[in-house]
Amino acid sequence: MHIVVIDGQGGSLGKSLVEAIKKRFEQVYVLAIGTNSLAASAMLRSGADGIATGENPVVVASRNADLIIGPLGIITADALHGEI
């Protein structure tokens, strides 16, 4: 299974999500995408298998994801203080 976790700003929600997913489902591949480098690095430190930063990785990774997880703002234009 391929899970994409998307987060912005400081990445604290994404960090918590990645930790919980990896703790419960060790065999799952988790790709963390931060809308900025701070969010991406926070999710990498929490155990993500791979990271990316920016808008284009969100589009590309979402095509093949089995599950996309993130804050509610990822479905709204201009959310997260304009990061989405």
PDB file of N, CA and C in Angstrom:
ATOM      1  N   MET A   1       0.839  -1.175   0.000  1.00  0.00           N
ATOM      2  CA  MET A   1       0.000   0.000   0.000  1.00  0.00           C
ATOM      3  C   MET A   1       0.889   1.245   0.000  1.00  0.00           C
ATOM      4  N   HIS A   2       0.453   2.253  -0.719  1.00  0.00           N
ATOM      5  CA  HIS A   2       1.202   3.494  -0.882  1.00  0.00           C
ATOM      6  C   HIS A   2       0.359   4.635  -0.313  1.00  0.00           C
ATOM      7  N   ILE A   3       0.822   5.236   0.789  1.00  0.00           N
ATOM      8  CA  ILE A   3       0.105   6.334   1.440  1.00  0.00           C
ATOM      9  C   ILE A   3       0.883   7.626   1.249  1.00  0.00           C
ATOM     10  N   VAL A   4       0.179   8.680   0.859  1.00  0.00           N
ATOM     11  CA  VAL A   4       0.764  10.010   0.725  1.00  0.00           C
ATOM     12  C   VAL A   4       0.224  10.877   1.847  1.00  0.00           C
ATOM     13  N   VAL A   5       1.138  11.468   2.617  1.00  0.00           N
ATOM     14  CA  VAL A   5       0.764  12.393   3.677  1.00  0.00           C
ATOM     15  C   VAL A   5       1.190  13.781   3.232  1.00  0.00           C
ATOM     16  N   ILE A   6       0.243  14.716   3.198  1.00  0.00           N
ATOM     17  CA  ILE A   6       0.505  16.082   2.765  1.00  0.00           C
ATOM     18  C   ILE A   6       0.298  17.012   3.946  1.00  0.00           C
ATOM     19  N   ASP A   7       1.258  17.909   4.169  1.00  0.00           N
ATOM     20  CA  ASP A   7       1.113  18.898   5.247  1.00  0.00           C
ATOM     21  C   ASP A   7       1.919  20.135   4.906  1.00  0.00           C
ATOM     22  N   GLY A   8       1.620  21.206   5.572  1.00  0.00           N
ATOM     23  CA  GLY A   8       2.310  22.471   5.357  1.00  0.00           C
ATOM     24  C   GLY A   8       2.691  23.102   6.673  1.00  0.00           C
ATOM     25  N   GLN A   9       3.003  24.382   6.624  1.00  0.00           N
ATOM     26  CA  GLN A   9       3.424  25.167   7.770  1.00  0.00           C
ATOM     27  C   GLN A   9       4.542  24.435   8.507  1.00  0.00           C
ATOM     28  N   GLY A  10       4.380  24.062   9.760  1.00  0.00           N
ATOM     29  CA  GLY A  10       5.454  23.399  10.505  1.00  0.00           C
ATOM     30  C   GLY A  10       5.483  21.893  10.370  1.00  0.00           C
ATOM     31  N   GLY A  11       4.443  21.321   9.812  1.00  0.00           N
ATOM     32  CA  GLY A  11       4.408  19.878   9.605  1.00  0.00           C
ATOM     33  C   GLY A  11       4.052  19.063  10.829  1.00  0.00           C
ATOM     34  N   SER A  12       3.508  19.682  11.865  1.00  0.00           N
ATOM     35  CA  SER A  12       3.243  18.941  13.100  1.00  0.00           C
ATOM     36  C   SER A  12       2.138  17.893  12.935  1.00  0.00           C
ATOM     37  N   LEU A  13       1.089  18.205  12.201  1.00  0.00           N
ATOM     38  CA  LEU A  13       0.041  17.217  11.967  1.00  0.00           C
ATOM     39  C   LEU A  13       0.579  16.069  11.107  1.00  0.00           C
ATOM     40  N   GLY A  14       1.305  16.406  10.059  1.00  0.00           N
ATOM     41  CA  GLY A  14       1.898  15.385   9.202  1.00  0.00           C
ATOM     42  C   GLY A  14       2.863  14.486   9.962  1.00  0.00           C
ATOM     43  N   LYS A  15       3.632  15.085  10.848  1.00  0.00           N
ATOM     44  CA  LYS A  15       4.574  14.320  11.672  1.00  0.00           C
ATOM     45  C   LYS A  15       3.827  13.296  12.530  1.00  0.00           C
ATOM     46  N   SER A  16       2.753  13.729  13.164  1.00  0.00           N
ATOM     47  CA  SER A  16       1.955  12.827  13.998  1.00  0.00           C
ATOM     48  C   SER A  16       1.313  11.717  13.165  1.00  0.00           C
ATOM     49  N   LEU A  17       0.827  12.073  11.982  1.00  0.00           N
ATOM     50  CA  LEU A  17       0.209  11.080  11.107  1.00  0.00           C
ATOM     51  C   LEU A  17       1.214  10.021  10.658  1.00  0.00           C
ATOM     52  N   VAL A  18       2.390  10.468  10.240  1.00  0.00           N
ATOM     53  CA  VAL A  18       3.420   9.524   9.788  1.00  0.00           C
ATOM     54  C   VAL A  18       3.826   8.597  10.919  1.00  0.00           C
ATOM     55  N   GLU A  19       4.035   9.134  12.107  1.00  0.00           N
ATOM     56  CA  GLU A  19       4.404   8.303  13.261  1.00  0.00           C
ATOM     57  C   GLU A  19       3.340   7.245  13.538  1.00  0.00           C
ATOM     58  N   ALA A  20       2.070   7.640  13.533  1.00  0.00           N
ATOM     59  CA  ALA A  20       0.986   6.706  13.822  1.00  0.00           C
ATOM     60  C   ALA A  20       0.869   5.628  12.745  1.00  0.00           C
ATOM     61  N   ILE A  21       1.006   6.019  11.491  1.00  0.00           N
ATOM     62  CA  ILE A  21       0.899   5.056  10.392  1.00  0.00           C
ATOM     63  C   ILE A  21       2.036   4.044  10.453  1.00  0.00           C
ATOM     64  N   LYS A  22       3.268   4.522  10.620  1.00  0.00           N
ATOM     65  CA  LYS A  22       4.423   3.621  10.638  1.00  0.00           C
ATOM     66  C   LYS A  22       4.415   2.715  11.867  1.00  0.00           C
ATOM     67  N   LYS A  23       3.878   3.208  12.970  1.00  0.00           N
ATOM     68  CA  LYS A  23       3.802   2.382  14.179  1.00  0.00           C
ATOM     69  C   LYS A  23       2.800   1.240  14.004  1.00  0.00           C
ATOM     70  N   ARG A  24       1.676   1.536  13.379  1.00  0.00           N
ATOM     71  CA  ARG A  24       0.607   0.548  13.230  1.00  0.00           C
ATOM     72  C   ARG A  24       0.791  -0.344  12.006  1.00  0.00           C
ATOM     73  N   PHE A  25       1.278   0.221  10.908  1.00  0.00           N
ATOM     74  CA  PHE A  25       1.412  -0.509   9.640  1.00  0.00           C
ATOM     75  C   PHE A  25       2.847  -0.375   9.132  1.00  0.00           C
ATOM     76  N   GLU A  26       3.748  -1.179   9.626  1.00  0.00           N
ATOM     77  CA  GLU A  26       5.166  -1.074   9.287  1.00  0.00           C
ATOM     78  C   GLU A  26       5.451  -1.363   7.814  1.00  0.00           C
ATOM     79  N   GLN A  27       4.665  -2.191   7.177  1.00  0.00           N
ATOM     80  CA  GLN A  27       4.911  -2.597   5.791  1.00  0.00           C
ATOM     81  C   GLN A  27       4.432  -1.574   4.769  1.00  0.00           C
ATOM     82  N   VAL A  28       3.736  -0.544   5.191  1.00  0.00           N
ATOM     83  CA  VAL A  28       3.184   0.462   4.291  1.00  0.00           C
ATOM     84  C   VAL A  28       4.265   1.468   3.902  1.00  0.00           C
ATOM     85  N   TYR A  29       4.287   1.851   2.618  1.00  0.00           N
ATOM     86  CA  TYR A  29       5.204   2.884   2.144  1.00  0.00           C
ATOM     87  C   TYR A  29       4.528   4.235   2.341  1.00  0.00           C
ATOM     88  N   VAL A  30       5.195   5.129   3.062  1.00  0.00           N
ATOM     89  CA  VAL A  30       4.648   6.453   3.332  1.00  0.00           C
ATOM     90  C   VAL A  30       5.513   7.506   2.650  1.00  0.00           C
ATOM     91  N   LEU A  31       4.905   8.245   1.725  1.00  0.00           N
ATOM     92  CA  LEU A  31       5.559   9.365   1.073  1.00  0.00           C
ATOM     93  C   LEU A  31       5.005  10.634   1.696  1.00  0.00           C
ATOM     94  N   ALA A  32       5.879  11.431   2.295  1.00  0.00           N
ATOM     95  CA  ALA A  32       5.476  12.678   2.934  1.00  0.00           C
ATOM     96  C   ALA A  32       5.773  13.840   2.000  1.00  0.00           C
ATOM     97  N   ILE A  33       4.764  14.652   1.747  1.00  0.00           N
ATOM     98  CA  ILE A  33       4.946  15.818   0.895  1.00  0.00           C
ATOM     99  C   ILE A  33       4.642  17.059   1.709  1.00  0.00           C
ATOM    100  N   GLY A  34       5.650  17.894   1.853  1.00  0.00           N
ATOM    101  CA  GLY A  34       5.476  19.148   2.558  1.00  0.00           C
ATOM    102  C   GLY A  34       5.323  20.288   1.570  1.00  0.00           C
ATOM    103  N   THR A  35       4.466  21.225   1.897  1.00  0.00           N
ATOM    104  CA  THR A  35       4.340  22.389   1.034  1.00  0.00           C
ATOM    105  C   THR A  35       5.529  23.318   1.220  1.00  0.00           C
ATOM    106  N   ASN A  36       6.337  23.032   2.238  1.00  0.00           N
ATOM    107  CA  ASN A  36       7.590  23.759   2.451  1.00  0.00           C
ATOM    108  C   ASN A  36       8.616  22.780   3.035  1.00  0.00           C
ATOM    109  N   SER A  37       9.865  23.182   3.053  1.00  0.00           N
ATOM    110  CA  SER A  37      10.931  22.272   3.497  1.00  0.00           C
ATOM    111  C   SER A  37      10.852  21.963   4.989  1.00  0.00           C
ATOM    112  N   LEU A  38      10.349  22.873   5.790  1.00  0.00           N
ATOM    113  CA  LEU A  38      10.210  22.629   7.228  1.00  0.00           C
ATOM    114  C   LEU A  38       9.223  21.490   7.483  1.00  0.00           C
ATOM    115  N   ALA A  39       8.093  21.514   6.802  1.00  0.00           N
ATOM    116  CA  ALA A  39       7.101  20.452   6.957  1.00  0.00           C
ATOM    117  C   ALA A  39       7.639  19.117   6.456  1.00  0.00           C
ATOM    118  N   ALA A  40       8.320  19.129   5.322  1.00  0.00           N
ATOM    119  CA  ALA A  40       8.866  17.893   4.756  1.00  0.00           C
ATOM    120  C   ALA A  40       9.912  17.271   5.680  1.00  0.00           C
ATOM    121  N   SER A  41      10.798  18.076   6.227  1.00  0.00           N
ATOM    122  CA  SER A  41      11.845  17.530   7.097  1.00  0.00           C
ATOM    123  C   SER A  41      11.272  17.018   8.413  1.00  0.00           C
ATOM    124  N   ALA A  42      10.220  17.641   8.926  1.00  0.00           N
ATOM    125  CA  ALA A  42       9.580  17.153  10.155  1.00  0.00           C
ATOM    126  C   ALA A  42       8.990  15.768   9.930  1.00  0.00           C
ATOM    127  N   MET A  43       8.372  15.567   8.771  1.00  0.00           N
ATOM    128  CA  MET A  43       7.779  14.263   8.481  1.00  0.00           C
ATOM    129  C   MET A  43       8.841  13.209   8.195  1.00  0.00           C
ATOM    130  N   LEU A  44       9.964  13.604   7.624  1.00  0.00           N
ATOM    131  CA  LEU A  44      11.062  12.664   7.405  1.00  0.00           C
ATOM    132  C   LEU A  44      11.617  12.174   8.737  1.00  0.00           C
ATOM    133  N   ARG A  45      11.795  13.085   9.671  1.00  0.00           N
ATOM    134  CA  ARG A  45      12.303  12.710  11.007  1.00  0.00           C
ATOM    135  C   ARG A  45      11.348  11.777  11.745  1.00  0.00           C
ATOM    136  N   SER A  46      10.071  11.830  11.402  1.00  0.00           N
ATOM    137  CA  SER A  46       9.100  10.980  12.090  1.00  0.00           C
ATOM    138  C   SER A  46       8.991   9.585  11.484  1.00  0.00           C
ATOM    139  N   GLY A  47       9.727   9.325  10.399  1.00  0.00           N
ATOM    140  CA  GLY A  47       9.783   7.968   9.872  1.00  0.00           C
ATOM    141  C   GLY A  47       9.243   7.767   8.473  1.00  0.00           C
ATOM    142  N   ALA A  48       8.967   8.823   7.744  1.00  0.00           N
ATOM    143  CA  ALA A  48       8.480   8.674   6.365  1.00  0.00           C
ATOM    144  C   ALA A  48       9.529   7.972   5.511  1.00  0.00           C
ATOM    145  N   ASP A  49       9.080   7.182   4.563  1.00  0.00           N
ATOM    146  CA  ASP A  49       9.990   6.459   3.679  1.00  0.00           C
ATOM    147  C   ASP A  49      10.593   7.353   2.605  1.00  0.00           C
ATOM    148  N   GLY A  50       9.892   8.407   2.258  1.00  0.00           N
ATOM    149  CA  GLY A  50      10.383   9.352   1.263  1.00  0.00           C
ATOM    150  C   GLY A  50       9.720  10.692   1.476  1.00  0.00           C
ATOM    151  N   ILE A  51      10.370  11.752   0.986  1.00  0.00           N
ATOM    152  CA  ILE A  51       9.773  13.080   1.109  1.00  0.00           C
ATOM    153  C   ILE A  51       9.907  13.838  -0.200  1.00  0.00           C
ATOM    154  N   ALA A  52       9.075  14.837  -0.339  1.00  0.00           N
ATOM    155  CA  ALA A  52       9.151  15.764  -1.461  1.00  0.00           C
ATOM    156  C   ALA A  52       8.598  17.095  -0.966  1.00  0.00           C
ATOM    157  N   THR A  53       8.942  18.153  -1.687  1.00  0.00           N
ATOM    158  CA  THR A  53       8.506  19.481  -1.286  1.00  0.00           C
ATOM    159  C   THR A  53       7.942  20.219  -2.494  1.00  0.00           C
ATOM    160  N   GLY A  54       6.803  20.857  -2.308  1.00  0.00           N
ATOM    161  CA  GLY A  54       6.254  21.708  -3.350  1.00  0.00           C
ATOM    162  C   GLY A  54       4.929  21.237  -3.906  1.00  0.00           C
ATOM    163  N   GLU A  55       4.430  22.007  -4.875  1.00  0.00           N
ATOM    164  CA  GLU A  55       3.124  21.727  -5.460  1.00  0.00           C
ATOM    165  C   GLU A  55       3.141  20.574  -6.448  1.00  0.00           C
ATOM    166  N   ASN A  56       4.129  20.533  -7.321  1.00  0.00           N
ATOM    167  CA  ASN A  56       4.151  19.487  -8.343  1.00  0.00           C
ATOM    168  C   ASN A  56       4.234  18.084  -7.749  1.00  0.00           C
ATOM    169  N   PRO A  57       5.032  17.828  -6.712  1.00  0.00           N
ATOM    170  CA  PRO A  57       5.028  16.486  -6.124  1.00  0.00           C
ATOM    171  C   PRO A  57       3.660  16.053  -5.597  1.00  0.00           C
ATOM    172  N   VAL A  58       2.857  16.994  -5.150  1.00  0.00           N
ATOM    173  CA  VAL A  58       1.508  16.657  -4.698  1.00  0.00           C
ATOM    174  C   VAL A  58       0.702  16.093  -5.861  1.00  0.00           C
ATOM    175  N   VAL A  59       0.764  16.757  -7.000  1.00  0.00           N
ATOM    176  CA  VAL A  59       0.021  16.324  -8.180  1.00  0.00           C
ATOM    177  C   VAL A  59       0.515  14.963  -8.661  1.00  0.00           C
ATOM    178  N   VAL A  60       1.817  14.803  -8.787  1.00  0.00           N
ATOM    179  CA  VAL A  60       2.404  13.570  -9.308  1.00  0.00           C
ATOM    180  C   VAL A  60       2.155  12.393  -8.364  1.00  0.00           C
ATOM    181  N   ALA A  61       2.400  12.570  -7.073  1.00  0.00           N
ATOM    182  CA  ALA A  61       2.261  11.476  -6.107  1.00  0.00           C
ATOM    183  C   ALA A  61       0.808  11.076  -5.900  1.00  0.00           C
ATOM    184  N   SER A  62      -0.104  12.012  -6.036  1.00  0.00           N
ATOM    185  CA  SER A  62      -1.518  11.717  -5.822  1.00  0.00           C
ATOM    186  C   SER A  62      -2.081  10.777  -6.880  1.00  0.00           C
ATOM    187  N   ARG A  63      -1.473  10.754  -8.047  1.00  0.00           N
ATOM    188  CA  ARG A  63      -1.946   9.879  -9.121  1.00  0.00           C
ATOM    189  C   ARG A  63      -1.876   8.407  -8.758  1.00  0.00           C
ATOM    190  N   ASN A  64      -0.831   8.016  -8.037  1.00  0.00           N
ATOM    191  CA  ASN A  64      -0.592   6.605  -7.731  1.00  0.00           C
ATOM    192  C   ASN A  64      -0.853   6.232  -6.280  1.00  0.00           C
ATOM    193  N   ALA A  65      -1.362   7.163  -5.489  1.00  0.00           N
ATOM    194  CA  ALA A  65      -1.563   6.900  -4.071  1.00  0.00           C
ATOM    195  C   ALA A  65      -2.797   6.042  -3.841  1.00  0.00           C
ATOM    196  N   ASP A  66      -2.681   5.112  -2.896  1.00  0.00           N
ATOM    197  CA  ASP A  66      -3.844   4.344  -2.462  1.00  0.00           C
ATOM    198  C   ASP A  66      -4.674   5.151  -1.466  1.00  0.00           C
ATOM    199  N   LEU A  67      -4.000   6.026  -0.729  1.00  0.00           N
ATOM    200  CA  LEU A  67      -4.655   6.829   0.296  1.00  0.00           C
ATOM    201  C   LEU A  67      -3.905   8.144   0.434  1.00  0.00           C
ATOM    202  N   ILE A  68      -4.639   9.246   0.499  1.00  0.00           N
ATOM    203  CA  ILE A  68      -4.051  10.569   0.691  1.00  0.00           C
ATOM    204  C   ILE A  68      -4.565  11.104   2.020  1.00  0.00           C
ATOM    205  N   ILE A  69      -3.638  11.496   2.890  1.00  0.00           N
ATOM    206  CA  ILE A  69      -4.008  11.958   4.227  1.00  0.00           C
ATOM    207  C   ILE A  69      -3.386  13.331   4.458  1.00  0.00           C
ATOM    208  N   GLY A  70      -4.113  14.185   5.145  1.00  0.00           N
ATOM    209  CA  GLY A  70      -3.604  15.507   5.488  1.00  0.00           C
ATOM    210  C   GLY A  70      -4.664  16.327   6.182  1.00  0.00           C
ATOM    211  N   PRO A  71      -4.359  17.578   6.463  1.00  0.00           N
ATOM    212  CA  PRO A  71      -5.352  18.447   7.091  1.00  0.00           C
ATOM    213  C   PRO A  71      -6.489  18.753   6.114  1.00  0.00           C
ATOM    214  N   LEU A  72      -7.623  19.137   6.633  1.00  0.00           N
ATOM    215  CA  LEU A  72      -8.785  19.441   5.810  1.00  0.00           C
ATOM    216  C   LEU A  72      -8.479  20.498   4.759  1.00  0.00           C
ATOM    217  N   GLY A  73      -7.554  21.388   5.044  1.00  0.00           N
ATOM    218  CA  GLY A  73      -7.200  22.459   4.132  1.00  0.00           C
ATOM    219  C   GLY A  73      -6.617  22.006   2.803  1.00  0.00           C
ATOM    220  N   ILE A  74      -6.191  20.751   2.682  1.00  0.00           N
ATOM    221  CA  ILE A  74      -5.593  20.311   1.417  1.00  0.00           C
ATOM    222  C   ILE A  74      -6.620  20.193   0.295  1.00  0.00           C
ATOM    223  N   ILE A  75      -7.910  20.268   0.632  1.00  0.00           N
ATOM    224  CA  ILE A  75      -8.933  20.200  -0.413  1.00  0.00           C
ATOM    225  C   ILE A  75      -9.473  21.584  -0.779  1.00  0.00           C
ATOM    226  N   THR A  76      -8.922  22.625  -0.170  1.00  0.00           N
ATOM    227  CA  THR A  76      -9.422  23.981  -0.381  1.00  0.00           C
ATOM    228  C   THR A  76      -8.330  24.871  -0.959  1.00  0.00           C
ATOM    229  N   ALA A  77      -8.634  25.550  -2.039  1.00  0.00           N
ATOM    230  CA  ALA A  77      -7.661  26.465  -2.636  1.00  0.00           C
ATOM    231  C   ALA A  77      -7.311  27.585  -1.664  1.00  0.00           C
ATOM    232  N   ASP A  78      -6.050  27.977  -1.659  1.00  0.00           N
ATOM    233  CA  ASP A  78      -5.513  29.054  -0.825  1.00  0.00           C
ATOM    234  C   ASP A  78      -5.560  28.758   0.677  1.00  0.00           C
ATOM    235  N   ALA A  79      -5.677  27.498   1.043  1.00  0.00           N
ATOM    236  CA  ALA A  79      -5.703  27.132   2.463  1.00  0.00           C
ATOM    237  C   ALA A  79      -4.284  27.114   3.038  1.00  0.00           C
ATOM    238  N   LEU A  80      -4.197  26.885   4.318  1.00  0.00           N
ATOM    239  CA  LEU A  80      -2.922  26.865   5.056  1.00  0.00           C
ATOM    240  C   LEU A  80      -2.119  28.132   4.777  1.00  0.00           C
ATOM    241  N   HIS A  81      -2.776  29.260   4.907  1.00  0.00           N
ATOM    242  CA  HIS A  81      -2.143  30.581   4.681  1.00  0.00           C
ATOM    243  C   HIS A  81      -1.559  30.711   3.286  1.00  0.00           C
ATOM    244  N   GLY A  82      -2.241  30.141   2.305  1.00  0.00           N
ATOM    245  CA  GLY A  82      -1.824  30.261   0.924  1.00  0.00           C
ATOM    246  C   GLY A  82      -0.862  29.201   0.438  1.00  0.00           C
ATOM    247  N   GLU A  83      -0.500  28.238   1.281  1.00  0.00           N
ATOM    248  CA  GLU A  83       0.448  27.201   0.867  1.00  0.00           C
ATOM    249  C   GLU A  83      -0.180  26.173  -0.075  1.00  0.00           C
ATOM    250  N   ILE A  84      -1.484  26.059  -0.049  1.00  0.00           N
ATOM    251  CA  ILE A  84      -2.180  25.105  -0.919  1.00  0.00           C
ATOM    252  C   ILE A  84      -2.780  25.868  -2.094  1.00  0.00           C
TER     253      ILE A  84
END
